[in-house]
Amino acid sequence: MPGRLAETLQTVRDSASLKEAAAARGLAASTIVKHLEELAEMGKLEKKDFARILPSPRDLSDIQDAFESLETDKLTPIFNALHGRYSFETIRLARLAGDDESRRARLARD
């Protein structure tokens, strides 16, 4: 695993929020999420690794329900369906938090 991804993974494990992880690494929140997506693609990410920075259970359910009901993995339709209540980074985290099989399938299509 590249050092930058290992550093991000450890920082995320130790952080209480995405914002905190981004600040600790001196990176944008979107870059932290991209690193997590890369780790997931490599099979090196488990939900427990980033559970602390996930949206609340209610928000997570709301976003994942939108993915299922719209039958899409694209971010913009989800963002629009949820009327902009969640940032793209939050939506990406929720997408990552889906079960492993569906997460891999979604990432492969993007």
N, C-alpha and C. Protein backbone atom coordinates (compact mmCIF):
# COMPACT_ATOMS: atom_id res chain seq x y z
N MET A 1 0.87 -1.17 0.00
CA MET A 1 0.00 0.00 0.00
C MET A 1 0.91 1.23 0.00
N PRO A 2 0.65 2.17 -0.90
CA PRO A 2 1.46 3.40 -0.93
C PRO A 2 1.41 4.14 0.41
N GLY A 3 2.51 4.78 0.75
CA GLY A 3 2.62 5.48 2.03
C GLY A 3 1.55 6.51 2.26
N ARG A 4 1.17 7.25 1.21
CA ARG A 4 0.15 8.29 1.38
C ARG A 4 -1.19 7.68 1.79
N LEU A 5 -1.50 6.49 1.25
CA LEU A 5 -2.75 5.83 1.60
C LEU A 5 -2.68 5.25 3.01
N ALA A 6 -1.52 4.70 3.37
CA ALA A 6 -1.35 4.17 4.73
C ALA A 6 -1.48 5.29 5.76
N GLU A 7 -0.90 6.45 5.45
CA GLU A 7 -1.00 7.60 6.36
C GLU A 7 -2.45 8.05 6.50
N THR A 8 -3.15 8.12 5.38
CA THR A 8 -4.56 8.53 5.42
C THR A 8 -5.38 7.53 6.22
N LEU A 9 -5.16 6.26 5.99
CA LEU A 9 -5.92 5.23 6.70
C LEU A 9 -5.73 5.36 8.20
N GLN A 10 -4.50 5.51 8.65
CA GLN A 10 -4.25 5.65 10.08
C GLN A 10 -4.86 6.93 10.63
N THR A 11 -4.77 8.00 9.88
CA THR A 11 -5.35 9.28 10.32
C THR A 11 -6.86 9.15 10.45
N VAL A 12 -7.49 8.51 9.48
CA VAL A 12 -8.95 8.34 9.53
C VAL A 12 -9.34 7.47 10.72
N ARG A 13 -8.58 6.43 10.97
CA ARG A 13 -8.87 5.57 12.14
C ARG A 13 -8.80 6.35 13.44
N ASP A 14 -7.92 7.35 13.49
CA ASP A 14 -7.71 8.13 14.71
C ASP A 14 -8.58 9.38 14.81
N SER A 15 -9.29 9.72 13.76
CA SER A 15 -10.03 10.98 13.71
C SER A 15 -11.50 10.81 14.06
N ALA A 16 -12.08 11.87 14.57
CA ALA A 16 -13.49 11.86 14.95
C ALA A 16 -14.40 12.34 13.82
N SER A 17 -13.82 12.95 12.78
CA SER A 17 -14.63 13.47 11.69
C SER A 17 -13.79 13.54 10.42
N LEU A 18 -14.45 13.66 9.30
CA LEU A 18 -13.76 13.83 8.03
C LEU A 18 -12.97 15.13 8.04
N LYS A 19 -13.57 16.18 8.56
CA LYS A 19 -12.90 17.48 8.63
C LYS A 19 -11.61 17.38 9.46
N GLU A 20 -11.68 16.69 10.57
CA GLU A 20 -10.50 16.51 11.43
C GLU A 20 -9.41 15.72 10.70
N ALA A 21 -9.80 14.67 9.99
CA ALA A 21 -8.83 13.86 9.25
C ALA A 21 -8.17 14.69 8.16
N ALA A 22 -8.96 15.48 7.46
CA ALA A 22 -8.41 16.33 6.40
C ALA A 22 -7.43 17.35 6.96
N ALA A 23 -7.79 17.96 8.07
CA ALA A 23 -6.91 18.95 8.70
C ALA A 23 -5.61 18.31 9.17
N ALA A 24 -5.71 17.12 9.75
CA ALA A 24 -4.53 16.43 10.26
C ALA A 24 -3.56 16.08 9.14
N ARG A 25 -4.09 15.76 7.97
CA ARG A 25 -3.24 15.39 6.83
C ARG A 25 -2.88 16.61 5.97
N GLY A 26 -3.54 17.75 6.22
CA GLY A 26 -3.30 18.92 5.39
C GLY A 26 -3.83 18.74 3.98
N LEU A 27 -4.93 18.00 3.87
CA LEU A 27 -5.54 17.70 2.58
C LEU A 27 -7.00 18.13 2.58
N ALA A 28 -7.56 18.22 1.41
CA ALA A 28 -9.00 18.49 1.28
C ALA A 28 -9.78 17.25 1.69
N ALA A 29 -10.99 17.45 2.18
CA ALA A 29 -11.84 16.32 2.55
C ALA A 29 -12.06 15.39 1.36
N SER A 30 -12.21 15.98 0.18
CA SER A 30 -12.41 15.15 -1.02
C SER A 30 -11.22 14.24 -1.29
N THR A 31 -10.02 14.69 -0.96
CA THR A 31 -8.82 13.87 -1.16
C THR A 31 -8.80 12.71 -0.17
N ILE A 32 -9.22 12.97 1.06
CA ILE A 32 -9.30 11.89 2.05
C ILE A 32 -10.27 10.82 1.56
N VAL A 33 -11.43 11.23 1.07
CA VAL A 33 -12.42 10.26 0.58
C VAL A 33 -11.87 9.51 -0.63
N LYS A 34 -11.17 10.21 -1.51
CA LYS A 34 -10.56 9.55 -2.67
C LYS A 34 -9.56 8.48 -2.22
N HIS A 35 -8.76 8.79 -1.21
CA HIS A 35 -7.83 7.80 -0.68
C HIS A 35 -8.59 6.58 -0.16
N LEU A 36 -9.68 6.82 0.55
CA LEU A 36 -10.49 5.69 1.06
C LEU A 36 -11.06 4.86 -0.09
N GLU A 37 -11.50 5.54 -1.14
CA GLU A 37 -12.01 4.82 -2.31
C GLU A 37 -10.91 3.97 -2.95
N GLU A 38 -9.70 4.52 -3.03
CA GLU A 38 -8.57 3.77 -3.58
C GLU A 38 -8.27 2.54 -2.71
N LEU A 39 -8.30 2.73 -1.40
CA LEU A 39 -8.08 1.61 -0.49
C LEU A 39 -9.15 0.54 -0.67
N ALA A 40 -10.40 0.96 -0.84
CA ALA A 40 -11.49 0.01 -1.05
C ALA A 40 -11.27 -0.77 -2.34
N GLU A 41 -10.85 -0.08 -3.40
CA GLU A 41 -10.59 -0.75 -4.66
C GLU A 41 -9.49 -1.80 -4.52
N MET A 42 -8.53 -1.54 -3.65
CA MET A 42 -7.41 -2.46 -3.41
C MET A 42 -7.79 -3.58 -2.44
N GLY A 43 -8.99 -3.49 -1.87
CA GLY A 43 -9.42 -4.47 -0.88
C GLY A 43 -8.78 -4.27 0.48
N LYS A 44 -8.32 -3.06 0.75
CA LYS A 44 -7.59 -2.76 1.99
C LYS A 44 -8.40 -1.90 2.95
N LEU A 45 -9.70 -1.79 2.73
CA LEU A 45 -10.53 -0.94 3.59
C LEU A 45 -11.71 -1.74 4.11
N GLU A 46 -11.91 -1.65 5.41
CA GLU A 46 -13.09 -2.24 6.05
C GLU A 46 -13.90 -1.11 6.65
N LYS A 47 -15.18 -1.34 6.79
CA LYS A 47 -16.06 -0.31 7.33
C LYS A 47 -15.57 0.19 8.70
N LYS A 48 -15.04 -0.71 9.51
CA LYS A 48 -14.58 -0.31 10.84
C LYS A 48 -13.45 0.71 10.76
N ASP A 49 -12.71 0.71 9.64
CA ASP A 49 -11.60 1.64 9.47
C ASP A 49 -12.05 3.09 9.41
N PHE A 50 -13.25 3.32 8.88
CA PHE A 50 -13.73 4.70 8.72
C PHE A 50 -15.08 4.95 9.38
N ALA A 51 -15.49 4.02 10.24
CA ALA A 51 -16.80 4.13 10.89
C ALA A 51 -16.95 5.42 11.70
N ARG A 52 -15.86 5.89 12.28
CA ARG A 52 -15.93 7.10 13.12
C ARG A 52 -16.22 8.37 12.33
N ILE A 53 -15.94 8.35 11.03
CA ILE A 53 -16.15 9.57 10.23
C ILE A 53 -17.41 9.49 9.36
N LEU A 54 -18.16 8.41 9.51
CA LEU A 54 -19.39 8.26 8.73
C LEU A 54 -20.46 9.23 9.23
N PRO A 55 -21.40 9.56 8.34
CA PRO A 55 -22.55 10.36 8.80
C PRO A 55 -23.35 9.60 9.85
N SER A 56 -24.23 10.29 10.51
CA SER A 56 -25.07 9.65 11.53
C SER A 56 -25.84 8.48 10.90
N PRO A 57 -26.25 7.52 11.73
CA PRO A 57 -27.00 6.38 11.18
C PRO A 57 -28.23 6.81 10.38
N ARG A 58 -28.91 7.83 10.85
CA ARG A 58 -30.10 8.32 10.13
C ARG A 58 -29.72 8.87 8.76
N ASP A 59 -28.67 9.70 8.72
CA ASP A 59 -28.22 10.28 7.46
C ASP A 59 -27.68 9.20 6.52
N LEU A 60 -26.94 8.27 7.09
CA LEU A 60 -26.40 7.17 6.30
C LEU A 60 -27.53 6.38 5.64
N SER A 61 -28.54 6.08 6.41
CA SER A 61 -29.69 5.34 5.88
C SER A 61 -30.41 6.14 4.80
N ASP A 62 -30.58 7.44 5.02
CA ASP A 62 -31.23 8.31 4.05
C ASP A 62 -30.49 8.28 2.71
N ILE A 63 -29.18 8.40 2.77
CA ILE A 63 -28.37 8.43 1.55
C ILE A 63 -28.37 7.06 0.87
N GLN A 64 -28.19 6.01 1.64
CA GLN A 64 -28.17 4.67 1.04
C GLN A 64 -29.52 4.30 0.45
N ASP A 65 -30.60 4.75 1.08
CA ASP A 65 -31.94 4.53 0.52
C ASP A 65 -32.07 5.22 -0.83
N ALA A 66 -31.49 6.41 -0.94
CA ALA A 66 -31.54 7.13 -2.22
C ALA A 66 -30.78 6.37 -3.30
N PHE A 67 -29.63 5.81 -2.96
CA PHE A 67 -28.89 5.00 -3.93
C PHE A 67 -29.74 3.84 -4.42
N GLU A 68 -30.40 3.17 -3.48
CA GLU A 68 -31.22 2.02 -3.85
C GLU A 68 -32.45 2.42 -4.65
N SER A 69 -33.15 3.45 -4.23
CA SER A 69 -34.39 3.81 -4.92
C SER A 69 -34.12 4.39 -6.30
N LEU A 70 -33.03 5.10 -6.47
CA LEU A 70 -32.71 5.66 -7.79
C LEU A 70 -31.96 4.68 -8.68
N GLU A 71 -31.51 3.58 -8.08
CA GLU A 71 -30.78 2.55 -8.81
C GLU A 71 -29.63 3.15 -9.62
N THR A 72 -28.87 3.99 -8.94
CA THR A 72 -27.70 4.60 -9.56
C THR A 72 -26.57 4.66 -8.54
N ASP A 73 -25.38 4.76 -9.06
CA ASP A 73 -24.21 4.93 -8.21
C ASP A 73 -23.59 6.29 -8.43
N LYS A 74 -24.21 7.07 -9.29
CA LYS A 74 -23.72 8.41 -9.59
C LYS A 74 -24.06 9.35 -8.45
N LEU A 75 -23.19 10.30 -8.22
CA LEU A 75 -23.35 11.20 -7.08
C LEU A 75 -24.38 12.31 -7.31
N THR A 76 -24.36 12.92 -8.47
CA THR A 76 -25.24 14.08 -8.72
C THR A 76 -26.72 13.74 -8.58
N PRO A 77 -27.20 12.63 -9.13
CA PRO A 77 -28.62 12.31 -8.91
C PRO A 77 -28.98 12.15 -7.43
N ILE A 78 -28.06 11.59 -6.66
CA ILE A 78 -28.31 11.42 -5.22
C ILE A 78 -28.33 12.78 -4.55
N PHE A 79 -27.34 13.61 -4.86
CA PHE A 79 -27.26 14.96 -4.31
C PHE A 79 -28.56 15.73 -4.60
N ASN A 80 -29.01 15.66 -5.84
CA ASN A 80 -30.23 16.38 -6.24
C ASN A 80 -31.48 15.79 -5.58
N ALA A 81 -31.56 14.47 -5.53
CA ALA A 81 -32.74 13.82 -4.92
C ALA A 81 -32.86 14.17 -3.45
N LEU A 82 -31.71 14.39 -2.81
CA LEU A 82 -31.71 14.73 -1.38
C LEU A 82 -31.64 16.24 -1.17
N HIS A 83 -31.88 16.98 -2.24
CA HIS A 83 -32.01 18.44 -2.20
C HIS A 83 -30.79 19.13 -1.60
N GLY A 84 -29.61 18.57 -1.87
CA GLY A 84 -28.37 19.19 -1.42
C GLY A 84 -28.14 19.16 0.08
N ARG A 85 -28.88 18.33 0.79
CA ARG A 85 -28.71 18.27 2.25
C ARG A 85 -27.36 17.72 2.67
N TYR A 86 -26.72 16.94 1.79
CA TYR A 86 -25.45 16.31 2.12
C TYR A 86 -24.40 16.71 1.09
N SER A 87 -23.18 16.87 1.57
CA SER A 87 -22.08 17.19 0.66
C SER A 87 -21.76 15.98 -0.20
N PHE A 88 -21.08 16.22 -1.29
CA PHE A 88 -20.66 15.11 -2.14
C PHE A 88 -19.74 14.16 -1.37
N GLU A 89 -18.90 14.69 -0.50
CA GLU A 89 -18.01 13.83 0.29
C GLU A 89 -18.81 12.92 1.22
N THR A 90 -19.86 13.46 1.83
CA THR A 90 -20.71 12.66 2.71
C THR A 90 -21.42 11.57 1.92
N ILE A 91 -21.88 11.91 0.74
CA ILE A 91 -22.53 10.92 -0.12
C ILE A 91 -21.53 9.84 -0.52
N ARG A 92 -20.31 10.23 -0.83
CA ARG A 92 -19.27 9.25 -1.19
C ARG A 92 -18.95 8.33 -0.02
N LEU A 93 -18.89 8.88 1.19
CA LEU A 93 -18.66 8.04 2.38
C LEU A 93 -19.79 7.03 2.56
N ALA A 94 -21.02 7.50 2.37
CA ALA A 94 -22.17 6.59 2.51
C ALA A 94 -22.11 5.50 1.46
N ARG A 95 -21.70 5.86 0.26
CA ARG A 95 -21.56 4.87 -0.80
C ARG A 95 -20.50 3.83 -0.41
N LEU A 96 -19.41 4.29 0.15
CA LEU A 96 -18.35 3.38 0.60
C LEU A 96 -18.83 2.46 1.72
N ALA A 97 -19.74 2.95 2.54
CA ALA A 97 -20.20 2.19 3.71
C ALA A 97 -21.17 1.08 3.36
N GLY A 98 -21.62 1.04 2.10
CA GLY A 98 -22.51 -0.05 1.68
C GLY A 98 -21.81 -1.39 1.84
N ASP A 99 -22.54 -2.45 1.69
CA ASP A 99 -21.91 -3.77 1.85
C ASP A 99 -20.79 -3.95 0.83
N ASP A 100 -19.84 -4.79 1.14
CA ASP A 100 -18.63 -4.94 0.34
C ASP A 100 -18.90 -5.27 -1.12
N GLU A 101 -19.81 -6.18 -1.38
CA GLU A 101 -20.06 -6.59 -2.76
C GLU A 101 -20.65 -5.44 -3.57
N SER A 102 -21.65 -4.77 -3.03
CA SER A 102 -22.25 -3.67 -3.78
C SER A 102 -21.28 -2.50 -3.89
N ARG A 103 -20.44 -2.31 -2.85
CA ARG A 103 -19.45 -1.23 -2.90
C ARG A 103 -18.46 -1.49 -4.03
N ARG A 104 -17.97 -2.70 -4.14
CA ARG A 104 -17.01 -3.01 -5.21
C ARG A 104 -17.67 -2.84 -6.59
N ALA A 105 -18.91 -3.27 -6.71
CA ALA A 105 -19.61 -3.14 -7.99
C ALA A 105 -19.80 -1.66 -8.36
N ARG A 106 -20.16 -0.84 -7.38
CA ARG A 106 -20.35 0.59 -7.64
C ARG A 106 -19.05 1.24 -8.05
N LEU A 107 -17.97 0.96 -7.34
CA LEU A 107 -16.68 1.57 -7.66
C LEU A 107 -16.19 1.14 -9.03
N ALA A 108 -16.45 -0.08 -9.39
CA ALA A 108 -16.01 -0.59 -10.70
C ALA A 108 -16.73 0.12 -11.84
N ARG A 109 -17.96 0.57 -11.60
CA ARG A 109 -18.74 1.24 -12.65
C ARG A 109 -18.35 2.71 -12.79
N ASP A 110 -17.82 3.32 -11.74
CA ASP A 110 -17.49 4.77 -11.79
C ASP A 110 -16.26 5.05 -12.60
